[in-house]
């Protein structure tokens, strides 16, 4: 059984999978909700938007967890924190199992496009463009955030889902270690792009606007670098198993 994540508290359990919430999530949630104050007639709508965002994130992470179990792996913990969610999974050391375990998360977002689009269509709402009533803005936000999360997650930047999918595909030809090495090299290019985008936000808007993008860039870089160093060391020493 996976150990309880640090600095978090238990929310609930579904199908043997325990969901935890990181304490910092509460601080960032307050900041993000206040940032959008005034967008609706009541701040309750802003709270609803933020909870909807993490509801979609949670469904995404359950996709990872259930797919991992389907291929014979283990999954019993999900952590929600300010940058999204983390499903603590351990899939069998096979490229196909790894690929399905990772791809299942974005596929949940793909599946959600259908009902979300149907709701917008039946409500007569545009996908983009200004909407003047609270419920309409809320429904439009849910559609947009689901698409945004899907596009972001499939970027081929390790450790995002897209980067891990790339690693799984490379595994078929190059094995578990060199595939990780190559995927993280591609990831560094994406990290550089994120850094430039953060700089653009800082120059064009403000430090406050650039903070979240900066923290996210640092998190991705740190994890990509850690995986790269592991793969490089393992490749040089001839190790055959990934972490």
C-alpha atoms as a PDB file:
ATOM      1  CA  UNK A   1       0.000   0.000   0.000  1.00  0.00           C
ATOM      2  CA  UNK A   2       1.286   3.471  -0.917  1.00  0.00           C
ATOM      3  CA  UNK A   3       2.279   5.616   2.033  1.00  0.00           C
ATOM      4  CA  UNK A   4       0.187   8.716   2.741  1.00  0.00           C
ATOM      5  CA  UNK A   5       1.622  11.666   0.769  1.00  0.00           C
ATOM      6  CA  UNK A   6       3.398  14.276   2.882  1.00  0.00           C
ATOM      7  CA  UNK A   7       1.603  17.492   3.952  1.00  0.00           C
ATOM      8  CA  UNK A   8      -1.810  16.225   2.912  1.00  0.00           C
ATOM      9  CA  UNK A   9      -5.059  15.002   4.425  1.00  0.00           C
ATOM     10  CA  UNK A  10      -7.459  12.257   3.388  1.00  0.00           C
ATOM     11  CA  UNK A  11     -10.618  13.236   1.504  1.00  0.00           C
ATOM     12  CA  UNK A  12     -12.311   9.947   0.612  1.00  0.00           C
ATOM     13  CA  UNK A  13     -11.803   6.500  -0.861  1.00  0.00           C
ATOM     14  CA  UNK A  14     -13.294   4.949  -4.007  1.00  0.00           C
ATOM     15  CA  UNK A  15     -12.689   1.344  -5.141  1.00  0.00           C
ATOM     16  CA  UNK A  16      -9.728   1.047  -2.798  1.00  0.00           C
ATOM     17  CA  UNK A  17      -8.151   4.267  -4.097  1.00  0.00           C
ATOM     18  CA  UNK A  18      -7.662   6.924  -1.419  1.00  0.00           C
ATOM     19  CA  UNK A  19      -7.771  10.568  -2.480  1.00  0.00           C
ATOM     20  CA  UNK A  20      -5.648  13.083  -0.556  1.00  0.00           C
ATOM     21  CA  UNK A  21      -5.543  16.879  -0.704  1.00  0.00           C
ATOM     22  CA  UNK A  22      -2.300  18.792  -0.231  1.00  0.00           C
ATOM     23  CA  UNK A  23      -2.520  21.612   2.331  1.00  0.00           C
ATOM     24  CA  UNK A  24      -0.995  24.132  -0.092  1.00  0.00           C
ATOM     25  CA  UNK A  25      -3.932  23.449  -2.435  1.00  0.00           C
ATOM     26  CA  UNK A  26      -6.136  25.438  -0.047  1.00  0.00           C
ATOM     27  CA  UNK A  27      -3.828  28.470  -0.169  1.00  0.00           C
ATOM     28  CA  UNK A  28      -3.512  28.443  -3.955  1.00  0.00           C
ATOM     29  CA  UNK A  29      -7.257  27.836  -4.312  1.00  0.00           C
ATOM     30  CA  UNK A  30      -7.986  30.960  -2.267  1.00  0.00           C
ATOM     31  CA  UNK A  31      -5.525  33.009  -4.351  1.00  0.00           C
ATOM     32  CA  UNK A  32      -6.909  31.738  -7.683  1.00  0.00           C
ATOM     33  CA  UNK A  33     -10.527  32.299  -6.641  1.00  0.00           C
ATOM     34  CA  UNK A  34      -9.807  35.846  -5.462  1.00  0.00           C
ATOM     35  CA  UNK A  35      -7.957  36.513  -8.746  1.00  0.00           C
ATOM     36  CA  UNK A  36     -11.208  35.890 -10.636  1.00  0.00           C
ATOM     37  CA  UNK A  37     -13.378  37.851  -8.227  1.00  0.00           C
ATOM     38  CA  UNK A  38     -15.791  40.024 -10.189  1.00  0.00           C
ATOM     39  CA  UNK A  39     -16.061  37.649 -13.137  1.00  0.00           C
ATOM     40  CA  UNK A  40     -19.460  36.519 -11.795  1.00  0.00           C
ATOM     41  CA  UNK A  41     -22.235  38.125  -9.831  1.00  0.00           C
ATOM     42  CA  UNK A  42     -21.190  36.047  -6.803  1.00  0.00           C
ATOM     43  CA  UNK A  43     -17.858  34.553  -5.734  1.00  0.00           C
ATOM     44  CA  UNK A  44     -19.699  31.256  -5.237  1.00  0.00           C
ATOM     45  CA  UNK A  45     -19.449  30.765  -9.002  1.00  0.00           C
ATOM     46  CA  UNK A  46     -15.674  31.221  -8.821  1.00  0.00           C
ATOM     47  CA  UNK A  47     -15.512  28.550  -6.123  1.00  0.00           C
ATOM     48  CA  UNK A  48     -17.635  26.286  -8.324  1.00  0.00           C
ATOM     49  CA  UNK A  49     -15.278  26.818 -11.272  1.00  0.00           C
ATOM     50  CA  UNK A  50     -12.237  25.887  -9.217  1.00  0.00           C
ATOM     51  CA  UNK A  51     -13.926  22.787  -7.807  1.00  0.00           C
ATOM     52  CA  UNK A  52     -15.032  21.810 -11.332  1.00  0.00           C
ATOM     53  CA  UNK A  53     -11.435  22.162 -12.524  1.00  0.00           C
ATOM     54  CA  UNK A  54     -10.204  19.732  -9.901  1.00  0.00           C
ATOM     55  CA  UNK A  55     -13.186  17.462 -10.450  1.00  0.00           C
ATOM     56  CA  UNK A  56     -11.971  17.037 -14.043  1.00  0.00           C
ATOM     57  CA  UNK A  57      -8.404  16.545 -12.789  1.00  0.00           C
ATOM     58  CA  UNK A  58      -9.632  13.862 -10.387  1.00  0.00           C
ATOM     59  CA  UNK A  59     -11.456  11.967 -13.151  1.00  0.00           C
ATOM     60  CA  UNK A  60      -8.256  12.160 -15.210  1.00  0.00           C
ATOM     61  CA  UNK A  61      -6.224  10.636 -12.386  1.00  0.00           C
ATOM     62  CA  UNK A  62      -8.784   7.865 -11.810  1.00  0.00           C
ATOM     63  CA  UNK A  63      -8.333   7.068 -15.501  1.00  0.00           C
ATOM     64  CA  UNK A  64      -4.631   6.455 -14.855  1.00  0.00           C
ATOM     65  CA  UNK A  65      -5.354   4.386 -11.753  1.00  0.00           C
ATOM     66  CA  UNK A  66      -8.002   2.094 -13.238  1.00  0.00           C
ATOM     67  CA  UNK A  67      -6.003   1.559 -16.447  1.00  0.00           C
ATOM     68  CA  UNK A  68      -2.960   0.584 -14.388  1.00  0.00           C
ATOM     69  CA  UNK A  69      -4.994  -1.992 -12.508  1.00  0.00           C
ATOM     70  CA  UNK A  70      -6.401  -3.284 -15.795  1.00  0.00           C
ATOM     71  CA  UNK A  71      -2.903  -4.225 -17.003  1.00  0.00           C
ATOM     72  CA  UNK A  72      -1.995  -5.914 -13.727  1.00  0.00           C
ATOM     73  CA  UNK A  73      -0.380  -2.991 -11.942  1.00  0.00           C
ATOM     74  CA  UNK A  74      -1.150  -1.393  -8.597  1.00  0.00           C
ATOM     75  CA  UNK A  75      -2.831   1.940  -7.841  1.00  0.00           C
ATOM     76  CA  UNK A  76      -4.259   2.967  -4.485  1.00  0.00           C
ATOM     77  CA  UNK A  77      -3.499   6.669  -3.975  1.00  0.00           C
ATOM     78  CA  UNK A  78      -4.303   9.963  -5.703  1.00  0.00           C
ATOM     79  CA  UNK A  79      -3.002  13.325  -4.520  1.00  0.00           C
ATOM     80  CA  UNK A  80      -4.604  16.625  -5.493  1.00  0.00           C
ATOM     81  CA  UNK A  81      -2.269  19.585  -5.219  1.00  0.00           C
ATOM     82  CA  UNK A  82      -1.959  23.086  -6.772  1.00  0.00           C
ATOM     83  CA  UNK A  83      -0.445  21.858 -10.069  1.00  0.00           C
ATOM     84  CA  UNK A  84      -3.160  19.255 -10.651  1.00  0.00           C
ATOM     85  CA  UNK A  85      -3.155  15.648  -9.557  1.00  0.00           C
ATOM     86  CA  UNK A  86      -0.784  12.735  -9.106  1.00  0.00           C
ATOM     87  CA  UNK A  87      -1.910   9.116  -9.341  1.00  0.00           C
ATOM     88  CA  UNK A  88       0.535   6.896  -7.475  1.00  0.00           C
ATOM     89  CA  UNK A  89       0.608   3.942  -9.840  1.00  0.00           C
ATOM     90  CA  UNK A  90       2.988   1.091 -10.554  1.00  0.00           C
ATOM     91  CA  UNK A  91       2.388  -0.532 -13.917  1.00  0.00           C
ATOM     92  CA  UNK A  92       4.132  -3.744 -15.032  1.00  0.00           C
ATOM     93  CA  UNK A  93       7.542  -3.043 -16.656  1.00  0.00           C
ATOM     94  CA  UNK A  94       6.261  -3.448 -20.219  1.00  0.00           C
ATOM     95  CA  UNK A  95       5.922  -0.658 -22.799  1.00  0.00           C
ATOM     96  CA  UNK A  96       2.343  -1.591 -23.676  1.00  0.00           C
ATOM     97  CA  UNK A  97       1.240  -1.606 -20.044  1.00  0.00           C
ATOM     98  CA  UNK A  98       3.000   1.681 -19.409  1.00  0.00           C
ATOM     99  CA  UNK A  99       1.464   3.241 -22.528  1.00  0.00           C
ATOM    100  CA  UNK A 100      -2.108   2.289 -21.606  1.00  0.00           C
ATOM    101  CA  UNK A 101      -1.634   3.388 -17.993  1.00  0.00           C
ATOM    102  CA  UNK A 102      -0.515   6.857 -19.087  1.00  0.00           C
ATOM    103  CA  UNK A 103      -2.774   7.339 -22.133  1.00  0.00           C
ATOM    104  CA  UNK A 104      -5.930   6.539 -20.167  1.00  0.00           C
ATOM    105  CA  UNK A 105      -5.751   9.875 -18.335  1.00  0.00           C
ATOM    106  CA  UNK A 106      -5.977  12.118 -21.426  1.00  0.00           C
ATOM    107  CA  UNK A 107      -8.551   9.729 -22.911  1.00  0.00           C
ATOM    108  CA  UNK A 108     -10.845  10.628 -20.010  1.00  0.00           C
ATOM    109  CA  UNK A 109     -10.627  14.265 -21.095  1.00  0.00           C
ATOM    110  CA  UNK A 110     -11.365  13.224 -24.686  1.00  0.00           C
ATOM    111  CA  UNK A 111     -14.456  11.360 -23.486  1.00  0.00           C
ATOM    112  CA  UNK A 112     -15.621  14.400 -21.496  1.00  0.00           C
ATOM    113  CA  UNK A 113     -15.563  16.580 -24.617  1.00  0.00           C
ATOM    114  CA  UNK A 114     -18.737  14.876 -25.886  1.00  0.00           C
ATOM    115  CA  UNK A 115     -21.104  15.586 -22.936  1.00  0.00           C
ATOM    116  CA  UNK A 116     -19.597  19.038 -22.318  1.00  0.00           C
ATOM    117  CA  UNK A 117     -20.063  20.013 -25.974  1.00  0.00           C
ATOM    118  CA  UNK A 118     -23.606  18.636 -25.938  1.00  0.00           C
ATOM    119  CA  UNK A 119     -24.481  20.763 -22.902  1.00  0.00           C
ATOM    120  CA  UNK A 120     -23.081  23.893 -24.560  1.00  0.00           C
ATOM    121  CA  UNK A 121     -24.937  23.163 -27.785  1.00  0.00           C
ATOM    122  CA  UNK A 122     -28.275  22.535 -26.075  1.00  0.00           C
ATOM    123  CA  UNK A 123     -27.799  25.716 -24.041  1.00  0.00           C
ATOM    124  CA  UNK A 124     -27.138  27.742 -27.201  1.00  0.00           C
ATOM    125  CA  UNK A 125     -23.746  28.852 -25.877  1.00  0.00           C
ATOM    126  CA  UNK A 126     -20.650  29.558 -27.959  1.00  0.00           C
ATOM    127  CA  UNK A 127     -17.482  27.635 -27.204  1.00  0.00           C
ATOM    128  CA  UNK A 128     -15.598  30.932 -27.127  1.00  0.00           C
ATOM    129  CA  UNK A 129     -16.837  34.494 -26.916  1.00  0.00           C
ATOM    130  CA  UNK A 130     -18.346  36.557 -24.147  1.00  0.00           C
ATOM    131  CA  UNK A 131     -21.311  35.196 -22.200  1.00  0.00           C
ATOM    132  CA  UNK A 132     -23.225  37.526 -19.882  1.00  0.00           C
ATOM    133  CA  UNK A 133     -24.962  35.136 -17.482  1.00  0.00           C
ATOM    134  CA  UNK A 134     -23.341  33.184 -14.646  1.00  0.00           C
ATOM    135  CA  UNK A 135     -24.437  29.656 -15.520  1.00  0.00           C
ATOM    136  CA  UNK A 136     -23.479  30.195 -19.157  1.00  0.00           C
ATOM    137  CA  UNK A 137     -19.995  31.392 -18.173  1.00  0.00           C
ATOM    138  CA  UNK A 138     -19.649  28.424 -15.831  1.00  0.00           C
ATOM    139  CA  UNK A 139     -20.584  25.885 -18.526  1.00  0.00           C
ATOM    140  CA  UNK A 140     -18.295  27.590 -21.043  1.00  0.00           C
ATOM    141  CA  UNK A 141     -15.444  27.522 -18.498  1.00  0.00           C
ATOM    142  CA  UNK A 142     -15.842  23.773 -17.908  1.00  0.00           C
ATOM    143  CA  UNK A 143     -15.628  23.060 -21.643  1.00  0.00           C
ATOM    144  CA  UNK A 144     -12.585  25.295 -22.089  1.00  0.00           C
ATOM    145  CA  UNK A 145     -10.704  24.004 -19.052  1.00  0.00           C
ATOM    146  CA  UNK A 146     -11.215  20.373 -20.076  1.00  0.00           C
ATOM    147  CA  UNK A 147      -9.803  21.109 -23.547  1.00  0.00           C
ATOM    148  CA  UNK A 148      -6.994  23.137 -22.003  1.00  0.00           C
ATOM    149  CA  UNK A 149      -6.041  20.312 -19.650  1.00  0.00           C
ATOM    150  CA  UNK A 150      -6.140  17.814 -22.517  1.00  0.00           C
ATOM    151  CA  UNK A 151      -3.855  19.881 -24.747  1.00  0.00           C
ATOM    152  CA  UNK A 152      -1.466  20.685 -21.904  1.00  0.00           C
ATOM    153  CA  UNK A 153      -1.201  17.076 -20.732  1.00  0.00           C
ATOM    154  CA  UNK A 154      -0.404  15.627 -24.160  1.00  0.00           C
ATOM    155  CA  UNK A 155       2.518  17.974 -24.781  1.00  0.00           C
ATOM    156  CA  UNK A 156       5.605  15.746 -25.263  1.00  0.00           C
ATOM    157  CA  UNK A 157       7.323  17.179 -22.203  1.00  0.00           C
ATOM    158  CA  UNK A 158       8.417  14.786 -19.469  1.00  0.00           C
ATOM    159  CA  UNK A 159       6.904  14.233 -16.874  1.00  0.00           C
ATOM    160  CA  UNK A 160       3.617  15.366 -18.456  1.00  0.00           C
ATOM    161  CA  UNK A 161       1.473  12.575 -19.880  1.00  0.00           C
ATOM    162  CA  UNK A 162       2.600  13.404 -23.408  1.00  0.00           C
ATOM    163  CA  UNK A 163       6.237  13.029 -22.398  1.00  0.00           C
ATOM    164  CA  UNK A 164       5.538   9.701 -20.710  1.00  0.00           C
ATOM    165  CA  UNK A 165       3.567   8.501 -23.734  1.00  0.00           C
ATOM    166  CA  UNK A 166       6.547   9.421 -25.911  1.00  0.00           C
ATOM    167  CA  UNK A 167       8.802   7.468 -23.559  1.00  0.00           C
ATOM    168  CA  UNK A 168       6.483   4.428 -23.748  1.00  0.00           C
ATOM    169  CA  UNK A 169       6.518   4.487 -27.565  1.00  0.00           C
ATOM    170  CA  UNK A 170      10.306   4.836 -27.663  1.00  0.00           C
ATOM    171  CA  UNK A 171      10.554   1.922 -25.206  1.00  0.00           C
ATOM    172  CA  UNK A 172       9.488  -0.510 -27.944  1.00  0.00           C
ATOM    173  CA  UNK A 173      12.657   0.265 -29.908  1.00  0.00           C
ATOM    174  CA  UNK A 174      15.191   1.535 -27.391  1.00  0.00           C
ATOM    175  CA  UNK A 175      14.289  -0.214 -24.125  1.00  0.00           C
ATOM    176  CA  UNK A 176      13.284   1.280 -20.766  1.00  0.00           C
ATOM    177  CA  UNK A 177      16.410   3.324 -20.031  1.00  0.00           C
ATOM    178  CA  UNK A 178      17.340   4.912 -23.361  1.00  0.00           C
ATOM    179  CA  UNK A 179      13.671   5.675 -24.041  1.00  0.00           C
ATOM    180  CA  UNK A 180      13.569   7.633 -20.787  1.00  0.00           C
ATOM    181  CA  UNK A 181      16.821   9.375 -21.683  1.00  0.00           C
ATOM    182  CA  UNK A 182      15.536  10.468 -25.098  1.00  0.00           C
ATOM    183  CA  UNK A 183      12.120  11.500 -23.770  1.00  0.00           C
ATOM    184  CA  UNK A 184      13.684  13.752 -21.131  1.00  0.00           C
ATOM    185  CA  UNK A 185      15.944  15.332 -23.760  1.00  0.00           C
ATOM    186  CA  UNK A 186      12.837  16.294 -25.718  1.00  0.00           C
ATOM    187  CA  UNK A 187      11.332  17.453 -22.437  1.00  0.00           C
ATOM    188  CA  UNK A 188      14.116  19.974 -21.882  1.00  0.00           C
ATOM    189  CA  UNK A 189      13.134  21.696 -25.130  1.00  0.00           C
ATOM    190  CA  UNK A 190       9.596  22.027 -23.824  1.00  0.00           C
ATOM    191  CA  UNK A 191      10.867  23.343 -20.486  1.00  0.00           C
ATOM    192  CA  UNK A 192      12.807  26.042 -22.359  1.00  0.00           C
ATOM    193  CA  UNK A 193       9.616  27.009 -24.194  1.00  0.00           C
ATOM    194  CA  UNK A 194       7.741  27.221 -20.882  1.00  0.00           C
ATOM    195  CA  UNK A 195      10.502  29.407 -19.444  1.00  0.00           C
ATOM    196  CA  UNK A 196      10.267  31.799 -22.404  1.00  0.00           C
ATOM    197  CA  UNK A 197       6.480  31.912 -22.046  1.00  0.00           C
ATOM    198  CA  UNK A 198       6.837  32.724 -18.341  1.00  0.00           C
ATOM    199  CA  UNK A 199       9.259  35.527 -19.202  1.00  0.00           C
ATOM    200  CA  UNK A 200       6.760  36.845 -21.751  1.00  0.00           C
ATOM    201  CA  UNK A 201       4.002  36.950 -19.115  1.00  0.00           C
ATOM    202  CA  UNK A 202       6.351  38.679 -16.678  1.00  0.00           C
ATOM    203  CA  UNK A 203       7.298  41.386 -19.174  1.00  0.00           C
ATOM    204  CA  UNK A 204       3.841  41.925 -20.675  1.00  0.00           C
ATOM    205  CA  UNK A 205       1.753  41.626 -17.498  1.00  0.00           C
ATOM    206  CA  UNK A 206       3.151  41.361 -13.980  1.00  0.00           C
ATOM    207  CA  UNK A 207       5.122  39.231 -11.529  1.00  0.00           C
ATOM    208  CA  UNK A 208       1.874  38.078  -9.933  1.00  0.00           C
ATOM    209  CA  UNK A 209       0.556  36.818 -13.289  1.00  0.00           C
ATOM    210  CA  UNK A 210       3.842  34.995 -13.990  1.00  0.00           C
ATOM    211  CA  UNK A 211       4.124  33.289 -10.591  1.00  0.00           C
ATOM    212  CA  UNK A 212       2.012  30.219 -11.366  1.00  0.00           C
ATOM    213  CA  UNK A 213       3.651  29.665 -14.762  1.00  0.00           C
ATOM    214  CA  UNK A 214       7.063  30.067 -13.127  1.00  0.00           C
ATOM    215  CA  UNK A 215       6.367  27.523 -10.401  1.00  0.00           C
ATOM    216  CA  UNK A 216       4.945  25.098 -12.958  1.00  0.00           C
ATOM    217  CA  UNK A 217       8.006  25.489 -15.182  1.00  0.00           C
ATOM    218  CA  UNK A 218      10.309  24.869 -12.232  1.00  0.00           C
ATOM    219  CA  UNK A 219       8.355  21.757 -11.215  1.00  0.00           C
ATOM    220  CA  UNK A 220       8.478  20.292 -14.730  1.00  0.00           C
ATOM    221  CA  UNK A 221      12.186  21.105 -15.077  1.00  0.00           C
ATOM    222  CA  UNK A 222      13.039  19.532 -11.712  1.00  0.00           C
ATOM    223  CA  UNK A 223      11.241  16.275 -12.500  1.00  0.00           C
ATOM    224  CA  UNK A 224      12.559  16.137 -16.056  1.00  0.00           C
ATOM    225  CA  UNK A 225      16.119  16.715 -14.836  1.00  0.00           C
ATOM    226  CA  UNK A 226      15.790  14.059 -12.122  1.00  0.00           C
ATOM    227  CA  UNK A 227      14.583  11.481 -14.659  1.00  0.00           C
ATOM    228  CA  UNK A 228      17.309  12.493 -17.128  1.00  0.00           C
ATOM    229  CA  UNK A 229      20.085  12.104 -14.547  1.00  0.00           C
ATOM    230  CA  UNK A 230      18.724   8.707 -13.509  1.00  0.00           C
ATOM    231  CA  UNK A 231      18.482   7.514 -17.120  1.00  0.00           C
ATOM    232  CA  UNK A 232      21.935   8.836 -17.964  1.00  0.00           C
ATOM    233  CA  UNK A 233      23.520   7.111 -14.959  1.00  0.00           C
ATOM    234  CA  UNK A 234      21.612   3.880 -15.582  1.00  0.00           C
ATOM    235  CA  UNK A 235      22.497   3.906 -19.279  1.00  0.00           C
ATOM    236  CA  UNK A 236      26.193   4.398 -18.529  1.00  0.00           C
ATOM    237  CA  UNK A 237      26.192   1.615 -15.952  1.00  0.00           C
ATOM    238  CA  UNK A 238      24.215  -0.787 -18.146  1.00  0.00           C
ATOM    239  CA  UNK A 239      21.184  -1.052 -15.850  1.00  0.00           C
ATOM    240  CA  UNK A 240      18.075  -2.378 -17.570  1.00  0.00           C
ATOM    241  CA  UNK A 241      15.229  -1.442 -15.222  1.00  0.00           C
ATOM    242  CA  UNK A 242      13.591   2.005 -14.968  1.00  0.00           C
ATOM    243  CA  UNK A 243      12.623   3.549 -11.653  1.00  0.00           C
END
